[in-house]
Amino acid sequence: MDDKYLYIAERLKAFRIIRNMKQEELSKKSGLNIANIRSYESGIRYAKPETLKHIADALDVSLNDLINIAYGTTYDIISILSQMKENTCMEITGETDANGEYIPSSIQISFKDDNINKKIIEQFLSNKRDSQSSYGSGGIEVEFPDGVHRIDADFSYYSTPGAKVKRPKKR
């Protein structure tokens, strides 16, 4: 079994214990078979993302808290985006130059499902006015060892290898 699955298994068990919950109670609250709960906690089986969501809800934690995803490299981000593209209605588009090559700064990520888009707005853009006043466009910039990754308010994604986050001066 992959180390990341064992890590999730350990976190699942830890959150259950912190919540003072027995496996039977987690089974009932999540609507999952107790044998599956045992398999997930022992690392014998890996739960699908939607199953992990049911477990996280039953434990009253966010899915991110349960799986504690780390985004340290461009590869990590690409891996997560690949999984999202496989399992959701995510679309990745971009413009091409005269040679038919994609222009990196034109790459955009969007979802066909408005429920996802609304949750993204809720999660990341609910304080849009505050973000805009501080950082200009309401986007999010994250600095990784390989450079800056930015998602703008319109969900355009940009990557600038080797760059550092530049914070505008407050007025």
N, C-alpha and C. Protein backbone atom coordinates (compact mmCIF):
# COMPACT_ATOMS: atom_id res chain seq x y z
N MET A 1 0.86 -1.18 0.00
CA MET A 1 0.00 0.00 0.00
C MET A 1 0.90 1.24 0.00
N ASP A 2 0.52 2.21 -0.78
CA ASP A 2 1.25 3.47 -0.91
C ASP A 2 1.25 4.22 0.42
N ASP A 3 2.37 4.90 0.73
CA ASP A 3 2.49 5.65 1.98
C ASP A 3 1.39 6.69 2.17
N LYS A 4 0.97 7.35 1.07
CA LYS A 4 -0.07 8.39 1.21
C LYS A 4 -1.39 7.78 1.66
N TYR A 5 -1.67 6.52 1.24
CA TYR A 5 -2.89 5.87 1.68
C TYR A 5 -2.82 5.51 3.16
N LEU A 6 -1.65 5.06 3.60
CA LEU A 6 -1.47 4.76 5.02
C LEU A 6 -1.60 6.04 5.85
N TYR A 7 -1.08 7.13 5.32
CA TYR A 7 -1.18 8.42 6.01
C TYR A 7 -2.64 8.80 6.19
N ILE A 8 -3.44 8.66 5.13
CA ILE A 8 -4.86 8.99 5.21
C ILE A 8 -5.55 8.04 6.18
N ALA A 9 -5.18 6.77 6.15
CA ALA A 9 -5.76 5.79 7.08
C ALA A 9 -5.49 6.20 8.54
N GLU A 10 -4.26 6.62 8.79
CA GLU A 10 -3.90 7.06 10.15
C GLU A 10 -4.69 8.30 10.56
N ARG A 11 -4.85 9.24 9.65
CA ARG A 11 -5.60 10.47 9.96
C ARG A 11 -7.07 10.16 10.19
N LEU A 12 -7.62 9.27 9.38
CA LEU A 12 -9.01 8.86 9.55
C LEU A 12 -9.23 8.30 10.95
N LYS A 13 -8.37 7.39 11.35
CA LYS A 13 -8.49 6.78 12.68
C LYS A 13 -8.29 7.84 13.78
N ALA A 14 -7.31 8.71 13.59
CA ALA A 14 -7.02 9.74 14.59
C ALA A 14 -8.22 10.68 14.77
N PHE A 15 -8.82 11.13 13.68
CA PHE A 15 -9.99 12.01 13.80
C PHE A 15 -11.14 11.28 14.47
N ARG A 16 -11.32 10.00 14.16
CA ARG A 16 -12.40 9.24 14.79
C ARG A 16 -12.18 9.16 16.30
N ILE A 17 -10.95 8.89 16.68
CA ILE A 17 -10.63 8.78 18.11
C ILE A 17 -10.77 10.13 18.80
N ILE A 18 -10.30 11.20 18.15
CA ILE A 18 -10.44 12.55 18.71
C ILE A 18 -11.91 12.88 18.93
N ARG A 19 -12.75 12.42 18.03
CA ARG A 19 -14.20 12.67 18.13
C ARG A 19 -14.87 11.70 19.11
N ASN A 20 -14.05 10.84 19.74
CA ASN A 20 -14.56 9.87 20.70
C ASN A 20 -15.66 9.00 20.07
N MET A 21 -15.37 8.54 18.85
CA MET A 21 -16.35 7.81 18.06
C MET A 21 -15.84 6.39 17.83
N LYS A 22 -16.72 5.43 17.94
CA LYS A 22 -16.37 4.05 17.61
C LYS A 22 -16.58 3.84 16.12
N GLN A 23 -15.95 2.80 15.58
CA GLN A 23 -16.10 2.52 14.15
C GLN A 23 -17.57 2.31 13.78
N GLU A 24 -18.32 1.70 14.66
CA GLU A 24 -19.75 1.45 14.39
C GLU A 24 -20.50 2.77 14.21
N GLU A 25 -20.20 3.75 15.08
CA GLU A 25 -20.86 5.05 14.99
C GLU A 25 -20.48 5.77 13.71
N LEU A 26 -19.19 5.72 13.35
CA LEU A 26 -18.74 6.33 12.10
C LEU A 26 -19.43 5.67 10.91
N SER A 27 -19.58 4.35 10.98
CA SER A 27 -20.27 3.61 9.93
C SER A 27 -21.70 4.13 9.75
N LYS A 28 -22.42 4.29 10.86
CA LYS A 28 -23.81 4.76 10.80
C LYS A 28 -23.88 6.20 10.30
N LYS A 29 -23.03 7.07 10.84
CA LYS A 29 -23.07 8.50 10.46
C LYS A 29 -22.68 8.71 9.00
N SER A 30 -21.75 7.90 8.49
CA SER A 30 -21.29 8.08 7.12
C SER A 30 -22.13 7.30 6.11
N GLY A 31 -22.91 6.32 6.62
CA GLY A 31 -23.71 5.49 5.72
C GLY A 31 -22.89 4.41 5.03
N LEU A 32 -21.71 4.13 5.58
CA LEU A 32 -20.82 3.13 4.99
C LEU A 32 -20.79 1.86 5.82
N ASN A 33 -20.51 0.77 5.18
CA ASN A 33 -20.41 -0.52 5.85
C ASN A 33 -19.24 -0.50 6.83
N ILE A 34 -19.43 -1.08 8.00
CA ILE A 34 -18.38 -1.08 9.01
C ILE A 34 -17.12 -1.80 8.53
N ALA A 35 -17.27 -2.83 7.72
CA ALA A 35 -16.11 -3.56 7.19
C ALA A 35 -15.26 -2.63 6.33
N ASN A 36 -15.92 -1.75 5.59
CA ASN A 36 -15.18 -0.77 4.77
C ASN A 36 -14.44 0.22 5.66
N ILE A 37 -15.11 0.70 6.72
CA ILE A 37 -14.46 1.64 7.64
C ILE A 37 -13.19 0.99 8.20
N ARG A 38 -13.29 -0.27 8.62
CA ARG A 38 -12.12 -0.98 9.15
C ARG A 38 -11.02 -1.10 8.10
N SER A 39 -11.40 -1.41 6.88
CA SER A 39 -10.41 -1.54 5.80
C SER A 39 -9.72 -0.21 5.50
N TYR A 40 -10.49 0.89 5.52
CA TYR A 40 -9.91 2.20 5.25
C TYR A 40 -8.95 2.60 6.38
N GLU A 41 -9.35 2.34 7.62
CA GLU A 41 -8.51 2.71 8.76
C GLU A 41 -7.23 1.88 8.84
N SER A 42 -7.28 0.64 8.38
CA SER A 42 -6.10 -0.21 8.45
C SER A 42 -5.21 -0.03 7.22
N GLY A 43 -5.70 0.68 6.22
CA GLY A 43 -4.92 0.91 5.01
C GLY A 43 -4.99 -0.23 4.03
N ILE A 44 -5.89 -1.19 4.28
CA ILE A 44 -6.05 -2.33 3.36
C ILE A 44 -6.69 -1.87 2.06
N ARG A 45 -7.65 -0.96 2.18
CA ARG A 45 -8.34 -0.41 1.02
C ARG A 45 -8.24 1.11 1.06
N TYR A 46 -8.32 1.71 -0.12
CA TYR A 46 -8.32 3.16 -0.22
C TYR A 46 -9.72 3.61 -0.62
N ALA A 47 -10.26 4.55 0.11
CA ALA A 47 -11.60 5.08 -0.19
C ALA A 47 -11.54 6.04 -1.36
N LYS A 48 -12.56 6.00 -2.20
CA LYS A 48 -12.68 6.94 -3.31
C LYS A 48 -12.94 8.33 -2.73
N PRO A 49 -12.66 9.38 -3.51
CA PRO A 49 -12.86 10.74 -3.01
C PRO A 49 -14.27 11.01 -2.45
N GLU A 50 -15.30 10.52 -3.15
CA GLU A 50 -16.66 10.78 -2.66
C GLU A 50 -16.92 10.04 -1.34
N THR A 51 -16.31 8.88 -1.16
CA THR A 51 -16.43 8.13 0.10
C THR A 51 -15.70 8.88 1.21
N LEU A 52 -14.51 9.40 0.91
CA LEU A 52 -13.77 10.19 1.90
C LEU A 52 -14.58 11.41 2.32
N LYS A 53 -15.32 11.99 1.39
CA LYS A 53 -16.16 13.14 1.71
C LYS A 53 -17.25 12.75 2.70
N HIS A 54 -17.87 11.59 2.51
CA HIS A 54 -18.89 11.10 3.46
C HIS A 54 -18.28 10.90 4.84
N ILE A 55 -17.08 10.34 4.87
CA ILE A 55 -16.39 10.10 6.15
C ILE A 55 -16.05 11.43 6.81
N ALA A 56 -15.51 12.37 6.02
CA ALA A 56 -15.15 13.69 6.57
C ALA A 56 -16.39 14.38 7.15
N ASP A 57 -17.50 14.32 6.43
CA ASP A 57 -18.74 14.92 6.93
C ASP A 57 -19.17 14.28 8.24
N ALA A 58 -19.09 12.95 8.31
CA ALA A 58 -19.49 12.24 9.53
C ALA A 58 -18.58 12.60 10.70
N LEU A 59 -17.31 12.88 10.40
CA LEU A 59 -16.34 13.26 11.44
C LEU A 59 -16.37 14.76 11.73
N ASP A 60 -17.16 15.49 10.96
CA ASP A 60 -17.26 16.95 11.10
C ASP A 60 -15.90 17.63 10.90
N VAL A 61 -15.20 17.20 9.84
CA VAL A 61 -13.95 17.84 9.44
C VAL A 61 -14.02 18.07 7.93
N SER A 62 -13.20 18.96 7.43
CA SER A 62 -13.17 19.17 5.99
C SER A 62 -12.40 18.03 5.34
N LEU A 63 -12.69 17.81 4.09
CA LEU A 63 -11.97 16.78 3.34
C LEU A 63 -10.48 17.09 3.31
N ASN A 64 -10.13 18.37 3.16
CA ASN A 64 -8.72 18.76 3.16
C ASN A 64 -8.05 18.44 4.49
N ASP A 65 -8.76 18.65 5.61
CA ASP A 65 -8.20 18.30 6.91
C ASP A 65 -7.96 16.81 7.01
N LEU A 66 -8.88 16.04 6.47
CA LEU A 66 -8.77 14.58 6.54
C LEU A 66 -7.58 14.07 5.73
N ILE A 67 -7.45 14.57 4.51
CA ILE A 67 -6.37 14.05 3.66
C ILE A 67 -5.11 14.89 3.70
N ASN A 68 -5.21 16.13 4.19
CA ASN A 68 -4.06 17.01 4.39
C ASN A 68 -3.13 17.02 3.18
N ILE A 69 -3.67 17.48 2.07
CA ILE A 69 -2.90 17.52 0.83
C ILE A 69 -1.78 18.55 0.95
N ALA A 70 -0.59 18.17 0.54
CA ALA A 70 0.54 19.11 0.52
C ALA A 70 0.85 19.45 -0.94
N TYR A 71 1.03 20.72 -1.20
CA TYR A 71 1.30 21.19 -2.56
C TYR A 71 2.69 21.80 -2.59
N GLY A 72 3.72 20.98 -2.66
CA GLY A 72 5.07 21.49 -2.58
C GLY A 72 5.73 21.77 -3.91
N THR A 73 5.26 21.12 -4.96
CA THR A 73 5.93 21.27 -6.24
C THR A 73 4.90 21.41 -7.36
N THR A 74 5.39 21.79 -8.52
CA THR A 74 4.52 21.85 -9.69
C THR A 74 3.94 20.46 -9.97
N TYR A 75 4.76 19.42 -9.78
CA TYR A 75 4.28 18.06 -10.01
C TYR A 75 3.08 17.75 -9.11
N ASP A 76 3.11 18.18 -7.84
CA ASP A 76 1.99 17.96 -6.92
C ASP A 76 0.71 18.61 -7.46
N ILE A 77 0.84 19.82 -7.94
CA ILE A 77 -0.32 20.55 -8.46
C ILE A 77 -0.85 19.87 -9.72
N ILE A 78 0.05 19.48 -10.61
CA ILE A 78 -0.36 18.80 -11.85
C ILE A 78 -1.04 17.48 -11.53
N SER A 79 -0.52 16.75 -10.56
CA SER A 79 -1.11 15.48 -10.15
C SER A 79 -2.54 15.69 -9.64
N ILE A 80 -2.73 16.70 -8.81
CA ILE A 80 -4.06 16.99 -8.27
C ILE A 80 -5.00 17.44 -9.39
N LEU A 81 -4.52 18.28 -10.28
CA LEU A 81 -5.36 18.72 -11.40
C LEU A 81 -5.74 17.55 -12.29
N SER A 82 -4.82 16.62 -12.50
CA SER A 82 -5.12 15.44 -13.31
C SER A 82 -6.23 14.61 -12.68
N GLN A 83 -6.15 14.43 -11.37
CA GLN A 83 -7.20 13.69 -10.66
C GLN A 83 -8.53 14.42 -10.74
N MET A 84 -8.47 15.75 -10.61
CA MET A 84 -9.70 16.53 -10.69
C MET A 84 -10.31 16.43 -12.09
N LYS A 85 -9.48 16.48 -13.11
CA LYS A 85 -9.97 16.39 -14.49
C LYS A 85 -10.63 15.03 -14.74
N GLU A 86 -10.05 13.98 -14.18
CA GLU A 86 -10.62 12.63 -14.32
C GLU A 86 -11.94 12.49 -13.60
N ASN A 87 -12.08 13.13 -12.44
CA ASN A 87 -13.21 12.87 -11.56
C ASN A 87 -14.26 13.97 -11.49
N THR A 88 -14.06 15.05 -12.23
CA THR A 88 -15.03 16.14 -12.22
C THR A 88 -15.29 16.62 -13.64
N CYS A 89 -16.06 17.66 -13.74
CA CYS A 89 -16.38 18.26 -15.04
C CYS A 89 -15.45 19.44 -15.31
N MET A 90 -14.19 19.32 -14.89
CA MET A 90 -13.23 20.39 -15.06
C MET A 90 -12.77 20.46 -16.52
N GLU A 91 -12.63 21.68 -17.00
CA GLU A 91 -12.12 21.92 -18.34
C GLU A 91 -10.86 22.77 -18.26
N ILE A 92 -9.90 22.43 -19.07
CA ILE A 92 -8.67 23.22 -19.16
C ILE A 92 -8.56 23.69 -20.60
N THR A 93 -8.49 25.00 -20.78
CA THR A 93 -8.43 25.57 -22.13
C THR A 93 -7.26 26.55 -22.21
N GLY A 94 -6.94 26.93 -23.41
CA GLY A 94 -5.89 27.92 -23.61
C GLY A 94 -5.79 28.34 -25.06
N GLU A 95 -5.11 29.45 -25.27
CA GLU A 95 -4.90 29.95 -26.63
C GLU A 95 -3.61 29.37 -27.19
N THR A 96 -3.54 29.29 -28.51
CA THR A 96 -2.33 28.81 -29.16
C THR A 96 -1.69 29.92 -29.98
N ASP A 97 -0.39 29.79 -30.15
CA ASP A 97 0.33 30.77 -30.98
C ASP A 97 0.29 30.33 -32.44
N ALA A 98 1.02 31.02 -33.31
CA ALA A 98 1.04 30.73 -34.74
C ALA A 98 1.54 29.31 -35.05
N ASN A 99 2.36 28.75 -34.16
CA ASN A 99 2.89 27.40 -34.37
C ASN A 99 1.99 26.31 -33.77
N GLY A 100 0.86 26.71 -33.21
CA GLY A 100 -0.04 25.75 -32.61
C GLY A 100 0.33 25.35 -31.20
N GLU A 101 1.32 26.04 -30.60
CA GLU A 101 1.75 25.75 -29.24
C GLU A 101 0.89 26.57 -28.26
N TYR A 102 0.54 25.95 -27.14
CA TYR A 102 -0.24 26.67 -26.14
C TYR A 102 0.59 27.77 -25.50
N ILE A 103 -0.05 28.90 -25.26
CA ILE A 103 0.57 30.04 -24.61
C ILE A 103 0.35 29.87 -23.10
N PRO A 104 1.42 29.65 -22.32
CA PRO A 104 1.26 29.35 -20.89
C PRO A 104 0.38 30.35 -20.13
N SER A 105 0.51 31.62 -20.40
CA SER A 105 -0.25 32.63 -19.65
C SER A 105 -1.73 32.65 -20.03
N SER A 106 -2.13 31.87 -21.05
CA SER A 106 -3.54 31.87 -21.46
C SER A 106 -4.31 30.67 -20.90
N ILE A 107 -3.64 29.78 -20.20
CA ILE A 107 -4.29 28.58 -19.68
C ILE A 107 -5.35 28.95 -18.65
N GLN A 108 -6.56 28.38 -18.80
CA GLN A 108 -7.66 28.64 -17.89
C GLN A 108 -8.28 27.32 -17.45
N ILE A 109 -8.70 27.29 -16.20
CA ILE A 109 -9.37 26.12 -15.64
C ILE A 109 -10.78 26.55 -15.26
N SER A 110 -11.76 25.76 -15.67
CA SER A 110 -13.14 26.08 -15.33
C SER A 110 -13.92 24.78 -15.13
N PHE A 111 -15.14 24.90 -14.59
CA PHE A 111 -15.99 23.76 -14.34
C PHE A 111 -17.33 23.97 -15.01
N LYS A 112 -17.90 22.90 -15.58
CA LYS A 112 -19.22 22.98 -16.19
C LYS A 112 -20.31 23.01 -15.13
N ASP A 113 -20.01 22.55 -13.94
CA ASP A 113 -20.98 22.45 -12.84
C ASP A 113 -21.00 23.75 -12.04
N ASP A 114 -22.12 24.46 -12.10
CA ASP A 114 -22.24 25.74 -11.38
C ASP A 114 -22.14 25.57 -9.87
N ASN A 115 -22.52 24.40 -9.36
CA ASN A 115 -22.39 24.18 -7.91
C ASN A 115 -20.93 24.25 -7.48
N ILE A 116 -20.05 23.69 -8.29
CA ILE A 116 -18.61 23.76 -7.98
C ILE A 116 -18.16 25.21 -8.07
N ASN A 117 -18.56 25.90 -9.13
CA ASN A 117 -18.16 27.30 -9.29
C ASN A 117 -18.65 28.16 -8.14
N LYS A 118 -19.87 27.91 -7.67
CA LYS A 118 -20.41 28.68 -6.54
C LYS A 118 -19.60 28.42 -5.27
N LYS A 119 -19.22 27.15 -5.05
CA LYS A 119 -18.42 26.82 -3.87
C LYS A 119 -17.03 27.46 -3.95
N ILE A 120 -16.48 27.52 -5.15
CA ILE A 120 -15.17 28.17 -5.33
C ILE A 120 -15.30 29.65 -5.00
N ILE A 121 -16.36 30.27 -5.47
CA ILE A 121 -16.59 31.68 -5.17
C ILE A 121 -16.72 31.87 -3.66
N GLU A 122 -17.53 31.01 -3.03
CA GLU A 122 -17.72 31.06 -1.58
C GLU A 122 -16.40 30.93 -0.84
N GLN A 123 -15.61 29.96 -1.25
CA GLN A 123 -14.36 29.64 -0.55
C GLN A 123 -13.27 30.68 -0.80
N PHE A 124 -13.11 31.10 -2.05
CA PHE A 124 -11.95 31.92 -2.40
C PHE A 124 -12.26 33.37 -2.72
N LEU A 125 -13.49 33.67 -3.08
CA LEU A 125 -13.79 35.03 -3.53
C LEU A 125 -14.82 35.73 -2.68
N SER A 126 -15.19 35.14 -1.54
CA SER A 126 -16.22 35.76 -0.71
C SER A 126 -15.76 37.11 -0.17
N ASN A 127 -14.46 37.30 0.00
CA ASN A 127 -13.91 38.59 0.44
C ASN A 127 -13.23 39.28 -0.72
N LYS A 128 -13.83 39.17 -1.89
CA LYS A 128 -13.22 39.70 -3.11
C LYS A 128 -12.86 41.18 -2.99
N ARG A 129 -13.75 41.97 -2.41
CA ARG A 129 -13.47 43.41 -2.29
C ARG A 129 -12.21 43.65 -1.46
N ASP A 130 -12.08 42.89 -0.35
CA ASP A 130 -10.88 43.04 0.49
C ASP A 130 -9.63 42.63 -0.27
N SER A 131 -9.72 41.51 -1.01
CA SER A 131 -8.57 41.05 -1.77
C SER A 131 -8.19 42.06 -2.83
N GLN A 132 -9.19 42.61 -3.50
CA GLN A 132 -8.89 43.55 -4.57
C GLN A 132 -8.23 44.80 -4.02
N SER A 133 -8.68 45.25 -2.88
CA SER A 133 -8.08 46.47 -2.35
C SER A 133 -6.64 46.24 -1.92
N SER A 134 -6.32 45.01 -1.49
CA SER A 134 -4.96 44.73 -1.05
C SER A 134 -4.04 44.32 -2.19
N TYR A 135 -4.56 43.49 -3.09
CA TYR A 135 -3.68 42.90 -4.08
C TYR A 135 -4.10 43.14 -5.52
N GLY A 136 -5.02 44.03 -5.76
CA GLY A 136 -5.31 44.44 -7.12
C GLY A 136 -6.40 43.67 -7.82
N SER A 137 -6.23 42.38 -8.12
CA SER A 137 -7.18 41.70 -8.99
C SER A 137 -8.07 40.69 -8.29
N GLY A 138 -7.89 40.48 -7.00
CA GLY A 138 -8.70 39.49 -6.31
C GLY A 138 -8.20 38.09 -6.51
N GLY A 139 -7.03 37.92 -7.08
CA GLY A 139 -6.48 36.60 -7.31
C GLY A 139 -5.71 36.09 -6.10
N ILE A 140 -5.26 34.88 -6.24
CA ILE A 140 -4.49 34.24 -5.18
C ILE A 140 -3.12 33.90 -5.75
N GLU A 141 -2.07 34.31 -5.07
CA GLU A 141 -0.72 33.95 -5.48
C GLU A 141 -0.11 33.08 -4.40
N VAL A 142 0.48 31.97 -4.83
CA VAL A 142 1.14 31.08 -3.89
C VAL A 142 2.56 30.85 -4.38
N GLU A 143 3.51 31.02 -3.48
CA GLU A 143 4.91 30.85 -3.85
C GLU A 143 5.35 29.44 -3.47
N PHE A 144 5.89 28.71 -4.45
CA PHE A 144 6.43 27.38 -4.25
C PHE A 144 7.91 27.44 -4.58
N PRO A 145 8.67 26.40 -4.23
CA PRO A 145 10.10 26.41 -4.53
C PRO A 145 10.40 26.62 -6.02
N ASP A 146 9.49 26.17 -6.89
CA ASP A 146 9.76 26.28 -8.32
C ASP A 146 9.23 27.57 -8.95
N GLY A 147 8.57 28.42 -8.17
CA GLY A 147 8.07 29.68 -8.72
C GLY A 147 6.72 30.05 -8.15
N VAL A 148 6.07 31.04 -8.76
CA VAL A 148 4.79 31.55 -8.29
C VAL A 148 3.67 30.94 -9.13
N HIS A 149 2.61 30.53 -8.44
CA HIS A 149 1.41 30.04 -9.10
C HIS A 149 0.29 31.00 -8.70
N ARG A 150 -0.51 31.43 -9.67
CA ARG A 150 -1.54 32.43 -9.42
C ARG A 150 -2.86 31.97 -10.04
N ILE A 151 -3.93 32.15 -9.29
CA ILE A 151 -5.27 31.95 -9.82
C ILE A 151 -5.98 33.29 -9.67
N ASP A 152 -6.39 33.86 -10.80
CA ASP A 152 -7.06 35.15 -10.77
C ASP A 152 -8.54 34.99 -10.43
N ALA A 153 -9.20 36.11 -10.20
CA ALA A 153 -10.61 36.11 -9.83
C ALA A 153 -11.47 35.42 -10.88
N ASP A 154 -11.04 35.45 -12.13
CA ASP A 154 -11.80 34.77 -13.19
C ASP A 154 -11.35 33.33 -13.37
N PHE A 155 -10.55 32.82 -12.40
CA PHE A 155 -10.03 31.46 -12.36
C PHE A 155 -8.98 31.17 -13.42
N SER A 156 -8.40 32.22 -14.00
CA SER A 156 -7.27 32.01 -14.90
C SER A 156 -6.08 31.57 -14.05
N TYR A 157 -5.34 30.62 -14.55
CA TYR A 157 -4.19 30.09 -13.81
C TYR A 157 -2.91 30.51 -14.51
N TYR A 158 -1.95 30.98 -13.73
CA TYR A 158 -0.67 31.39 -14.28
C TYR A 158 0.44 30.78 -13.43
N SER A 159 1.51 30.44 -14.08
CA SER A 159 2.68 29.94 -13.36
C SER A 159 3.89 30.71 -13.87
N THR A 160 4.71 31.19 -12.93
CA THR A 160 5.91 31.92 -13.29
C THR A 160 7.10 31.25 -12.62
N PRO A 161 7.79 30.35 -13.34
CA PRO A 161 8.91 29.63 -12.74
C PRO A 161 9.99 30.58 -12.23
N GLY A 162 10.48 30.30 -11.05
CA GLY A 162 11.58 31.06 -10.47
C GLY A 162 11.20 32.40 -9.88
N ALA A 163 9.93 32.79 -10.00
CA ALA A 163 9.52 34.11 -9.51
C ALA A 163 9.21 34.07 -8.02
N LYS A 164 9.16 35.23 -7.44
CA LYS A 164 8.76 35.40 -6.04
C LYS A 164 7.47 36.21 -6.02
N VAL A 165 6.66 36.00 -5.01
CA VAL A 165 5.41 36.77 -4.90
C VAL A 165 5.76 38.23 -4.66
N LYS A 166 5.17 39.11 -5.45
CA LYS A 166 5.39 40.54 -5.30
C LYS A 166 4.15 41.13 -4.67
N ARG A 167 4.30 41.69 -3.54
CA ARG A 167 3.18 42.31 -2.82
C ARG A 167 3.18 43.80 -3.13
N PRO A 168 2.04 44.31 -3.63
CA PRO A 168 2.00 45.75 -3.87
C PRO A 168 2.04 46.53 -2.58
N LYS A 169 2.55 47.73 -2.68
CA LYS A 169 2.61 48.61 -1.50
C LYS A 169 1.22 49.05 -1.16
N LYS A 170 0.90 49.02 0.13
CA LYS A 170 -0.41 49.50 0.57
C LYS A 170 -0.38 51.02 0.60
N ARG A 171 -1.49 51.61 0.23
CA ARG A 171 -1.56 53.07 0.19
C ARG A 171 -2.06 53.62 1.48
